[in-house]
């Protein structure tokens, strides 16, 4: 819930990014769809899963927000990029097994 409300909804689930309208990479990060579209699901830009529960370094979503080991642009595209606290929140959530809380 915190990742959704503090990261996905305000910075990712916007029109022309990862909202229902203008979706990039067939990825919707709205509250009703985000979890099912990222956890354990394959990335379209990498052989990694979008989110590999328990492993931030093997989660392409985590790589996209840090800009390390990616194809294309760091997310959010064109910035402003997530701050250190937001990145740590995502990392901690993935390390805890990416629970649907």
PDB file of N, CA and C in Angstrom:
ATOM      1  N   UNK A   1       0.821  -1.193   0.000  1.00  0.00           N
ATOM      2  CA  UNK A   1       0.000   0.000   0.000  1.00  0.00           C
ATOM      3  C   UNK A   1       0.866   1.259   0.000  1.00  0.00           C
ATOM      4  N   UNK A   2       1.922   1.262   0.807  1.00  0.00           N
ATOM      5  CA  UNK A   2       2.801   2.447   0.836  1.00  0.00           C
ATOM      6  C   UNK A   2       3.502   2.640  -0.493  1.00  0.00           C
ATOM      7  N   UNK A   3       3.988   1.571  -1.101  1.00  0.00           N
ATOM      8  CA  UNK A   3       4.660   1.701  -2.399  1.00  0.00           C
ATOM      9  C   UNK A   3       3.683   2.257  -3.416  1.00  0.00           C
ATOM     10  N   UNK A   4       2.464   1.759  -3.401  1.00  0.00           N
ATOM     11  CA  UNK A   4       1.453   2.255  -4.336  1.00  0.00           C
ATOM     12  C   UNK A   4       1.174   3.727  -4.102  1.00  0.00           C
ATOM     13  N   UNK A   5       0.888   4.098  -2.849  1.00  0.00           N
ATOM     14  CA  UNK A   5       0.468   5.468  -2.570  1.00  0.00           C
ATOM     15  C   UNK A   5       1.606   6.490  -2.604  1.00  0.00           C
ATOM     16  N   UNK A   6       2.832   6.057  -2.302  1.00  0.00           N
ATOM     17  CA  UNK A   6       3.950   7.004  -2.248  1.00  0.00           C
ATOM     18  C   UNK A   6       4.829   7.011  -3.502  1.00  0.00           C
ATOM     19  N   UNK A   7       4.721   5.947  -4.306  1.00  0.00           N
ATOM     20  CA  UNK A   7       5.577   5.875  -5.494  1.00  0.00           C
ATOM     21  C   UNK A   7       4.752   5.717  -6.769  1.00  0.00           C
ATOM     22  N   UNK A   8       4.042   4.611  -6.907  1.00  0.00           N
ATOM     23  CA  UNK A   8       3.365   4.323  -8.166  1.00  0.00           C
ATOM     24  C   UNK A   8       2.299   5.350  -8.530  1.00  0.00           C
ATOM     25  N   UNK A   9       1.377   5.623  -7.623  1.00  0.00           N
ATOM     26  CA  UNK A   9       0.279   6.523  -7.960  1.00  0.00           C
ATOM     27  C   UNK A   9       0.759   7.933  -8.301  1.00  0.00           C
ATOM     28  N   UNK A  10       1.599   8.559  -7.484  1.00  0.00           N
ATOM     29  CA  UNK A  10       1.980   9.933  -7.826  1.00  0.00           C
ATOM     30  C   UNK A  10       3.018  10.084  -8.934  1.00  0.00           C
ATOM     31  N   UNK A  11       3.841   9.060  -9.173  1.00  0.00           N
ATOM     32  CA  UNK A  11       4.929   9.258 -10.140  1.00  0.00           C
ATOM     33  C   UNK A  11       4.863   8.361 -11.373  1.00  0.00           C
ATOM     34  N   UNK A  12       4.139   7.257 -11.307  1.00  0.00           N
ATOM     35  CA  UNK A  12       4.152   6.291 -12.414  1.00  0.00           C
ATOM     36  C   UNK A  12       2.804   6.151 -13.115  1.00  0.00           C
ATOM     37  N   UNK A  13       1.726   6.127 -12.345  1.00  0.00           N
ATOM     38  CA  UNK A  13       0.393   5.873 -12.896  1.00  0.00           C
ATOM     39  C   UNK A  13      -0.235   7.156 -13.420  1.00  0.00           C
ATOM     40  N   UNK A  14       0.484   7.812 -14.321  1.00  0.00           N
ATOM     41  CA  UNK A  14       0.010   9.053 -14.915  1.00  0.00           C
ATOM     42  C   UNK A  14      -0.162   8.847 -16.416  1.00  0.00           C
ATOM     43  N   UNK A  15      -0.996   9.666 -17.026  1.00  0.00           N
ATOM     44  CA  UNK A  15      -1.283   9.529 -18.454  1.00  0.00           C
ATOM     45  C   UNK A  15       0.007   9.578 -19.261  1.00  0.00           C
ATOM     46  N   UNK A  16       0.111   8.696 -20.225  1.00  0.00           N
ATOM     47  CA  UNK A  16       1.256   8.530 -21.137  1.00  0.00           C
ATOM     48  C   UNK A  16       2.424   7.816 -20.482  1.00  0.00           C
ATOM     49  N   UNK A  17       2.243   7.359 -19.259  1.00  0.00           N
ATOM     50  CA  UNK A  17       3.284   6.551 -18.615  1.00  0.00           C
ATOM     51  C   UNK A  17       2.690   5.173 -18.304  1.00  0.00           C
ATOM     52  N   UNK A  18       2.224   4.972 -17.079  1.00  0.00           N
ATOM     53  CA  UNK A  18       1.690   3.667 -16.709  1.00  0.00           C
ATOM     54  C   UNK A  18       0.285   3.754 -16.131  1.00  0.00           C
ATOM     55  N   UNK A  19      -0.515   4.647 -16.728  1.00  0.00           N
ATOM     56  CA  UNK A  19      -1.946   4.716 -16.430  1.00  0.00           C
ATOM     57  C   UNK A  19      -2.664   3.926 -17.520  1.00  0.00           C
ATOM     58  N   UNK A  20      -3.959   3.803 -17.409  1.00  0.00           N
ATOM     59  CA  UNK A  20      -4.719   3.043 -18.409  1.00  0.00           C
ATOM     60  C   UNK A  20      -4.627   3.711 -19.771  1.00  0.00           C
ATOM     61  N   UNK A  21      -4.643   5.038 -19.818  1.00  0.00           N
ATOM     62  CA  UNK A  21      -4.519   5.761 -21.084  1.00  0.00           C
ATOM     63  C   UNK A  21      -3.051   5.997 -21.414  1.00  0.00           C
ATOM     64  N   UNK A  22      -2.622   5.637 -22.588  1.00  0.00           N
ATOM     65  CA  UNK A  22      -1.257   5.887 -23.021  1.00  0.00           C
ATOM     66  C   UNK A  22      -0.228   5.012 -22.345  1.00  0.00           C
ATOM     67  N   UNK A  23      -0.598   3.800 -22.044  1.00  0.00           N
ATOM     68  CA  UNK A  23       0.274   2.887 -21.298  1.00  0.00           C
ATOM     69  C   UNK A  23       1.566   2.569 -22.036  1.00  0.00           C
ATOM     70  N   UNK A  24       2.693   2.659 -21.326  1.00  0.00           N
ATOM     71  CA  UNK A  24       4.002   2.297 -21.861  1.00  0.00           C
ATOM     72  C   UNK A  24       4.315   0.845 -21.512  1.00  0.00           C
ATOM     73  N   UNK A  25       4.861   0.107 -22.451  1.00  0.00           N
ATOM     74  CA  UNK A  25       5.306  -1.278 -22.242  1.00  0.00           C
ATOM     75  C   UNK A  25       4.211  -2.189 -21.696  1.00  0.00           C
ATOM     76  N   UNK A  26       2.955  -1.874 -22.021  1.00  0.00           N
ATOM     77  CA  UNK A  26       1.817  -2.681 -21.553  1.00  0.00           C
ATOM     78  C   UNK A  26       1.828  -2.867 -20.040  1.00  0.00           C
ATOM     79  N   UNK A  27       2.223  -1.849 -19.300  1.00  0.00           N
ATOM     80  CA  UNK A  27       2.318  -1.911 -17.851  1.00  0.00           C
ATOM     81  C   UNK A  27       1.461  -0.813 -17.237  1.00  0.00           C
ATOM     82  N   UNK A  28       0.443  -1.231 -16.488  1.00  0.00           N
ATOM     83  CA  UNK A  28      -0.447  -0.295 -15.807  1.00  0.00           C
ATOM     84  C   UNK A  28      -0.149  -0.376 -14.316  1.00  0.00           C
ATOM     85  N   UNK A  29       0.138   0.773 -13.700  1.00  0.00           N
ATOM     86  CA  UNK A  29       0.484   0.810 -12.284  1.00  0.00           C
ATOM     87  C   UNK A  29      -0.560   1.537 -11.440  1.00  0.00           C
ATOM     88  N   UNK A  30      -1.809   1.428 -11.835  1.00  0.00           N
ATOM     89  CA  UNK A  30      -2.905   1.971 -11.037  1.00  0.00           C
ATOM     90  C   UNK A  30      -3.164   1.034  -9.856  1.00  0.00           C
ATOM     91  N   UNK A  31      -3.796   1.531  -8.783  1.00  0.00           N
ATOM     92  CA  UNK A  31      -3.981   0.708  -7.586  1.00  0.00           C
ATOM     93  C   UNK A  31      -4.665  -0.638  -7.827  1.00  0.00           C
ATOM     94  N   UNK A  32      -5.593  -0.691  -8.750  1.00  0.00           N
ATOM     95  CA  UNK A  32      -6.321  -1.936  -8.988  1.00  0.00           C
ATOM     96  C   UNK A  32      -5.556  -2.947  -9.839  1.00  0.00           C
ATOM     97  N   UNK A  33      -4.464  -2.530 -10.485  1.00  0.00           N
ATOM     98  CA  UNK A  33      -3.759  -3.436 -11.397  1.00  0.00           C
ATOM     99  C   UNK A  33      -2.272  -3.620 -11.131  1.00  0.00           C
ATOM    100  N   UNK A  34      -1.642  -2.721 -10.422  1.00  0.00           N
ATOM    101  CA  UNK A  34      -0.183  -2.726 -10.291  1.00  0.00           C
ATOM    102  C   UNK A  34       0.374  -4.058  -9.795  1.00  0.00           C
ATOM    103  N   UNK A  35      -0.105  -4.545  -8.682  1.00  0.00           N
ATOM    104  CA  UNK A  35       0.471  -5.757  -8.088  1.00  0.00           C
ATOM    105  C   UNK A  35       0.440  -6.925  -9.073  1.00  0.00           C
ATOM    106  N   UNK A  36      -0.688  -7.165  -9.683  1.00  0.00           N
ATOM    107  CA  UNK A  36      -0.823  -8.275 -10.616  1.00  0.00           C
ATOM    108  C   UNK A  36       0.018  -8.129 -11.875  1.00  0.00           C
ATOM    109  N   UNK A  37       0.399  -6.906 -12.203  1.00  0.00           N
ATOM    110  CA  UNK A  37       1.171  -6.678 -13.421  1.00  0.00           C
ATOM    111  C   UNK A  37       2.674  -6.666 -13.200  1.00  0.00           C
ATOM    112  N   UNK A  38       3.118  -6.618 -11.933  1.00  0.00           N
ATOM    113  CA  UNK A  38       4.566  -6.540 -11.731  1.00  0.00           C
ATOM    114  C   UNK A  38       5.172  -7.697 -10.956  1.00  0.00           C
ATOM    115  N   UNK A  39       4.485  -8.224  -9.973  1.00  0.00           N
ATOM    116  CA  UNK A  39       5.097  -9.243  -9.113  1.00  0.00           C
ATOM    117  C   UNK A  39       5.106 -10.600  -9.813  1.00  0.00           C
ATOM    118  N   UNK A  40       6.333 -11.087 -10.048  1.00  0.00           N
ATOM    119  CA  UNK A  40       6.514 -12.371 -10.708  1.00  0.00           C
ATOM    120  C   UNK A  40       6.209 -12.372 -12.192  1.00  0.00           C
ATOM    121  N   UNK A  41       6.017 -11.206 -12.776  1.00  0.00           N
ATOM    122  CA  UNK A  41       5.696 -11.082 -14.201  1.00  0.00           C
ATOM    123  C   UNK A  41       6.953 -10.718 -14.980  1.00  0.00           C
ATOM    124  N   UNK A  42       7.108 -11.269 -16.189  1.00  0.00           N
ATOM    125  CA  UNK A  42       8.306 -10.969 -16.959  1.00  0.00           C
ATOM    126  C   UNK A  42       8.324  -9.533 -17.478  1.00  0.00           C
ATOM    127  N   UNK A  43       9.512  -8.983 -17.530  1.00  0.00           N
ATOM    128  CA  UNK A  43       9.699  -7.669 -18.127  1.00  0.00           C
ATOM    129  C   UNK A  43       9.683  -7.817 -19.644  1.00  0.00           C
ATOM    130  N   UNK A  44       9.301  -6.760 -20.347  1.00  0.00           N
ATOM    131  CA  UNK A  44       9.368  -6.798 -21.806  1.00  0.00           C
ATOM    132  C   UNK A  44      10.717  -6.284 -22.310  1.00  0.00           C
ATOM    133  N   UNK A  45      11.531  -5.704 -21.436  1.00  0.00           N
ATOM    134  CA  UNK A  45      12.833  -5.162 -21.826  1.00  0.00           C
ATOM    135  C   UNK A  45      14.001  -6.005 -21.347  1.00  0.00           C
ATOM    136  N   UNK A  46      13.726  -7.053 -20.581  1.00  0.00           N
ATOM    137  CA  UNK A  46      14.792  -7.809 -19.948  1.00  0.00           C
ATOM    138  C   UNK A  46      14.326  -9.236 -19.710  1.00  0.00           C
ATOM    139  N   UNK A  47      15.272 -10.121 -19.457  1.00  0.00           N
ATOM    140  CA  UNK A  47      14.921 -11.495 -19.100  1.00  0.00           C
ATOM    141  C   UNK A  47      14.532 -11.617 -17.629  1.00  0.00           C
ATOM    142  N   UNK A  48      14.683 -10.541 -16.885  1.00  0.00           N
ATOM    143  CA  UNK A  48      14.314 -10.527 -15.463  1.00  0.00           C
ATOM    144  C   UNK A  48      12.812 -10.361 -15.291  1.00  0.00           C
ATOM    145  N   UNK A  49      12.327 -10.742 -14.115  1.00  0.00           N
ATOM    146  CA  UNK A  49      10.948 -10.431 -13.751  1.00  0.00           C
ATOM    147  C   UNK A  49      10.858  -8.943 -13.446  1.00  0.00           C
ATOM    148  N   UNK A  50       9.681  -8.380 -13.621  1.00  0.00           N
ATOM    149  CA  UNK A  50       9.496  -6.978 -13.232  1.00  0.00           C
ATOM    150  C   UNK A  50       9.805  -6.827 -11.751  1.00  0.00           C
ATOM    151  N   UNK A  51       9.233  -7.698 -10.911  1.00  0.00           N
ATOM    152  CA  UNK A  51       9.567  -7.754  -9.488  1.00  0.00           C
ATOM    153  C   UNK A  51       9.769  -9.213  -9.119  1.00  0.00           C
ATOM    154  N   UNK A  52      10.964  -9.520  -8.667  1.00  0.00           N
ATOM    155  CA  UNK A  52      11.304 -10.859  -8.176  1.00  0.00           C
ATOM    156  C   UNK A  52      11.253 -10.788  -6.650  1.00  0.00           C
ATOM    157  N   UNK A  53      10.185 -11.305  -6.030  1.00  0.00           N
ATOM    158  CA  UNK A  53      10.062 -11.195  -4.576  1.00  0.00           C
ATOM    159  C   UNK A  53      11.326 -11.665  -3.852  1.00  0.00           C
ATOM    160  N   UNK A  54      11.784 -10.834  -2.926  1.00  0.00           N
ATOM    161  CA  UNK A  54      12.964 -11.146  -2.134  1.00  0.00           C
ATOM    162  C   UNK A  54      14.273 -10.692  -2.747  1.00  0.00           C
ATOM    163  N   UNK A  55      14.257 -10.250  -4.007  1.00  0.00           N
ATOM    164  CA  UNK A  55      15.505  -9.912  -4.684  1.00  0.00           C
ATOM    165  C   UNK A  55      15.410  -8.604  -5.480  1.00  0.00           C
ATOM    166  N   UNK A  56      15.685  -7.471  -4.836  1.00  0.00           N
ATOM    167  CA  UNK A  56      15.653  -6.207  -5.574  1.00  0.00           C
ATOM    168  C   UNK A  56      16.614  -6.190  -6.765  1.00  0.00           C
ATOM    169  N   UNK A  57      17.802  -6.751  -6.591  1.00  0.00           N
ATOM    170  CA  UNK A  57      18.798  -6.703  -7.664  1.00  0.00           C
ATOM    171  C   UNK A  57      18.397  -7.515  -8.888  1.00  0.00           C
ATOM    172  N   UNK A  58      17.498  -8.472  -8.713  1.00  0.00           N
ATOM    173  CA  UNK A  58      17.009  -9.277  -9.832  1.00  0.00           C
ATOM    174  C   UNK A  58      15.617  -8.834 -10.274  1.00  0.00           C
ATOM    175  N   UNK A  59      15.195  -7.677  -9.813  1.00  0.00           N
ATOM    176  CA  UNK A  59      13.899  -7.099 -10.168  1.00  0.00           C
ATOM    177  C   UNK A  59      14.118  -5.950 -11.136  1.00  0.00           C
ATOM    178  N   UNK A  60      13.592  -6.094 -12.356  1.00  0.00           N
ATOM    179  CA  UNK A  60      13.835  -5.072 -13.361  1.00  0.00           C
ATOM    180  C   UNK A  60      13.214  -3.733 -12.977  1.00  0.00           C
ATOM    181  N   UNK A  61      12.100  -3.735 -12.280  1.00  0.00           N
ATOM    182  CA  UNK A  61      11.497  -2.482 -11.846  1.00  0.00           C
ATOM    183  C   UNK A  61      12.464  -1.717 -10.944  1.00  0.00           C
ATOM    184  N   UNK A  62      13.101  -2.415 -10.019  1.00  0.00           N
ATOM    185  CA  UNK A  62      14.070  -1.758  -9.139  1.00  0.00           C
ATOM    186  C   UNK A  62      15.236  -1.196  -9.954  1.00  0.00           C
ATOM    187  N   UNK A  63      15.695  -1.955 -10.904  1.00  0.00           N
ATOM    188  CA  UNK A  63      16.784  -1.468 -11.760  1.00  0.00           C
ATOM    189  C   UNK A  63      16.356  -0.224 -12.544  1.00  0.00           C
ATOM    190  N   UNK A  64      15.105  -0.215 -13.023  1.00  0.00           N
ATOM    191  CA  UNK A  64      14.634   0.934 -13.802  1.00  0.00           C
ATOM    192  C   UNK A  64      14.567   2.200 -12.955  1.00  0.00           C
ATOM    193  N   UNK A  65      14.237   2.079 -11.667  1.00  0.00           N
ATOM    194  CA  UNK A  65      14.161   3.294 -10.851  1.00  0.00           C
ATOM    195  C   UNK A  65      15.524   3.736 -10.341  1.00  0.00           C
ATOM    196  N   UNK A  66      16.509   2.837 -10.367  1.00  0.00           N
ATOM    197  CA  UNK A  66      17.864   3.242  -9.965  1.00  0.00           C
ATOM    198  C   UNK A  66      18.738   3.569 -11.171  1.00  0.00           C
ATOM    199  N   UNK A  67      18.345   3.105 -12.354  1.00  0.00           N
ATOM    200  CA  UNK A  67      19.098   3.380 -13.570  1.00  0.00           C
ATOM    201  C   UNK A  67      20.291   2.472 -13.779  1.00  0.00           C
ATOM    202  N   UNK A  68      20.363   1.361 -13.061  1.00  0.00           N
ATOM    203  CA  UNK A  68      21.506   0.441 -13.135  1.00  0.00           C
ATOM    204  C   UNK A  68      21.127  -0.827 -13.877  1.00  0.00           C
ATOM    205  N   UNK A  69      21.892  -1.170 -14.927  1.00  0.00           N
ATOM    206  CA  UNK A  69      21.678  -2.421 -15.648  1.00  0.00           C
ATOM    207  C   UNK A  69      20.380  -2.478 -16.421  1.00  0.00           C
ATOM    208  N   UNK A  70      20.048  -1.396 -17.131  1.00  0.00           N
ATOM    209  CA  UNK A  70      18.762  -1.322 -17.817  1.00  0.00           C
ATOM    210  C   UNK A  70      18.915  -1.096 -19.316  1.00  0.00           C
ATOM    211  N   UNK A  71      17.823  -1.316 -20.012  1.00  0.00           N
ATOM    212  CA  UNK A  71      17.678  -0.924 -21.403  1.00  0.00           C
ATOM    213  C   UNK A  71      16.761   0.282 -21.413  1.00  0.00           C
ATOM    214  N   UNK A  72      17.064   1.274 -22.226  1.00  0.00           N
ATOM    215  CA  UNK A  72      16.212   2.454 -22.277  1.00  0.00           C
ATOM    216  C   UNK A  72      16.485   3.412 -21.141  1.00  0.00           C
ATOM    217  N   UNK A  73      15.465   4.199 -20.833  1.00  0.00           N
ATOM    218  CA  UNK A  73      15.612   5.281 -19.872  1.00  0.00           C
ATOM    219  C   UNK A  73      15.356   4.852 -18.430  1.00  0.00           C
ATOM    220  N   UNK A  74      15.993   5.579 -17.524  1.00  0.00           N
ATOM    221  CA  UNK A  74      15.676   5.433 -16.109  1.00  0.00           C
ATOM    222  C   UNK A  74      14.263   5.968 -15.889  1.00  0.00           C
ATOM    223  N   UNK A  75      13.568   5.400 -14.939  1.00  0.00           N
ATOM    224  CA  UNK A  75      12.206   5.816 -14.640  1.00  0.00           C
ATOM    225  C   UNK A  75      12.170   6.621 -13.353  1.00  0.00           C
ATOM    226  N   UNK A  76      11.236   7.534 -13.238  1.00  0.00           N
ATOM    227  CA  UNK A  76      10.307   7.996 -14.247  1.00  0.00           C
ATOM    228  C   UNK A  76      11.039   8.695 -15.398  1.00  0.00           C
ATOM    229  N   UNK A  77      10.593   8.402 -16.580  1.00  0.00           N
ATOM    230  CA  UNK A  77      11.250   8.889 -17.784  1.00  0.00           C
ATOM    231  C   UNK A  77      11.331  10.412 -17.779  1.00  0.00           C
ATOM    232  N   UNK A  78      12.531  10.923 -17.926  1.00  0.00           N
ATOM    233  CA  UNK A  78      12.756  12.363 -17.963  1.00  0.00           C
ATOM    234  C   UNK A  78      12.807  13.027 -16.602  1.00  0.00           C
ATOM    235  N   UNK A  79      12.561  12.236 -15.543  1.00  0.00           N
ATOM    236  CA  UNK A  79      12.617  12.758 -14.183  1.00  0.00           C
ATOM    237  C   UNK A  79      11.409  13.614 -13.851  1.00  0.00           C
ATOM    238  N   UNK A  80      11.344  14.174 -12.676  1.00  0.00           N
ATOM    239  CA  UNK A  80      12.331  13.974 -11.626  1.00  0.00           C
ATOM    240  C   UNK A  80      12.324  12.527 -11.148  1.00  0.00           C
ATOM    241  N   UNK A  81      13.513  12.035 -10.853  1.00  0.00           N
ATOM    242  CA  UNK A  81      13.657  10.654 -10.419  1.00  0.00           C
ATOM    243  C   UNK A  81      13.236  10.508  -8.959  1.00  0.00           C
ATOM    244  N   UNK A  82      12.997   9.281  -8.564  1.00  0.00           N
ATOM    245  CA  UNK A  82      12.606   9.026  -7.185  1.00  0.00           C
ATOM    246  C   UNK A  82      13.727   9.433  -6.239  1.00  0.00           C
ATOM    247  N   UNK A  83      13.351   9.906  -5.082  1.00  0.00           N
ATOM    248  CA  UNK A  83      14.366  10.274  -4.096  1.00  0.00           C
ATOM    249  C   UNK A  83      14.846   9.021  -3.365  1.00  0.00           C
ATOM    250  N   UNK A  84      15.866   9.181  -2.553  1.00  0.00           N
ATOM    251  CA  UNK A  84      16.474   8.027  -1.871  1.00  0.00           C
ATOM    252  C   UNK A  84      15.478   7.291  -0.983  1.00  0.00           C
ATOM    253  N   UNK A  85      14.598   8.022  -0.309  1.00  0.00           N
ATOM    254  CA  UNK A  85      13.610   7.375   0.565  1.00  0.00           C
ATOM    255  C   UNK A  85      12.613   6.549  -0.240  1.00  0.00           C
ATOM    256  N   UNK A  86      12.185   7.047  -1.390  1.00  0.00           N
ATOM    257  CA  UNK A  86      11.253   6.299  -2.235  1.00  0.00           C
ATOM    258  C   UNK A  86      11.913   5.035  -2.786  1.00  0.00           C
ATOM    259  N   UNK A  87      13.161   5.156  -3.221  1.00  0.00           N
ATOM    260  CA  UNK A  87      13.892   4.000  -3.736  1.00  0.00           C
ATOM    261  C   UNK A  87      14.070   2.964  -2.633  1.00  0.00           C
ATOM    262  N   UNK A  88      14.405   3.417  -1.443  1.00  0.00           N
ATOM    263  CA  UNK A  88      14.570   2.495  -0.311  1.00  0.00           C
ATOM    264  C   UNK A  88      13.248   1.818   0.037  1.00  0.00           C
ATOM    265  N   UNK A  89      12.151   2.521  -0.055  1.00  0.00           N
ATOM    266  CA  UNK A  89      10.835   1.944   0.205  1.00  0.00           C
ATOM    267  C   UNK A  89      10.558   0.791  -0.759  1.00  0.00           C
ATOM    268  N   UNK A  90      10.828   1.006  -2.049  1.00  0.00           N
ATOM    269  CA  UNK A  90      10.629  -0.049  -3.047  1.00  0.00           C
ATOM    270  C   UNK A  90      11.566  -1.212  -2.773  1.00  0.00           C
ATOM    271  N   UNK A  91      12.823  -0.923  -2.494  1.00  0.00           N
ATOM    272  CA  UNK A  91      13.799  -1.977  -2.205  1.00  0.00           C
ATOM    273  C   UNK A  91      13.363  -2.821  -1.003  1.00  0.00           C
ATOM    274  N   UNK A  92      12.967  -2.150   0.068  1.00  0.00           N
ATOM    275  CA  UNK A  92      12.543  -2.871   1.268  1.00  0.00           C
ATOM    276  C   UNK A  92      11.309  -3.737   0.998  1.00  0.00           C
ATOM    277  N   UNK A  93      10.366  -3.216   0.248  1.00  0.00           N
ATOM    278  CA  UNK A  93       9.150  -3.967  -0.102  1.00  0.00           C
ATOM    279  C   UNK A  93       9.507  -5.235  -0.874  1.00  0.00           C
ATOM    280  N   UNK A  94      10.383  -5.108  -1.857  1.00  0.00           N
ATOM    281  CA  UNK A  94      10.802  -6.281  -2.633  1.00  0.00           C
ATOM    282  C   UNK A  94      11.553  -7.263  -1.734  1.00  0.00           C
ATOM    283  N   UNK A  95      12.457  -6.774  -0.898  1.00  0.00           N
ATOM    284  CA  UNK A  95      13.230  -7.658   0.012  1.00  0.00           C
ATOM    285  C   UNK A  95      12.323  -8.416   0.978  1.00  0.00           C
ATOM    286  N   UNK A  96      11.208  -7.802   1.379  1.00  0.00           N
ATOM    287  CA  UNK A  96      10.259  -8.470   2.269  1.00  0.00           C
ATOM    288  C   UNK A  96       9.410  -9.503   1.539  1.00  0.00           C
ATOM    289  N   UNK A  97       9.662  -9.684   0.232  1.00  0.00           N
ATOM    290  CA  UNK A  97       8.909 -10.676  -0.532  1.00  0.00           C
ATOM    291  C   UNK A  97       7.805 -10.068  -1.358  1.00  0.00           C
ATOM    292  N   UNK A  98       7.778  -8.748  -1.493  1.00  0.00           N
ATOM    293  CA  UNK A  98       6.783  -8.023  -2.273  1.00  0.00           C
ATOM    294  C   UNK A  98       5.358  -8.427  -1.890  1.00  0.00           C
ATOM    295  N   UNK A  99       5.031  -8.300  -0.593  1.00  0.00           N
ATOM    296  CA  UNK A  99       3.684  -8.709  -0.170  1.00  0.00           C
ATOM    297  C   UNK A  99       2.595  -7.803  -0.753  1.00  0.00           C
ATOM    298  N   UNK A 100       1.444  -8.377  -0.955  1.00  0.00           N
ATOM    299  CA  UNK A 100       0.298  -7.612  -1.462  1.00  0.00           C
ATOM    300  C   UNK A 100      -0.433  -7.026  -0.268  1.00  0.00           C
ATOM    301  N   UNK A 101       0.189  -6.010   0.317  1.00  0.00           N
ATOM    302  CA  UNK A 101      -0.381  -5.389   1.515  1.00  0.00           C
ATOM    303  C   UNK A 101      -0.832  -4.000   1.211  1.00  0.00           C
TER     304      UNK A 101
END
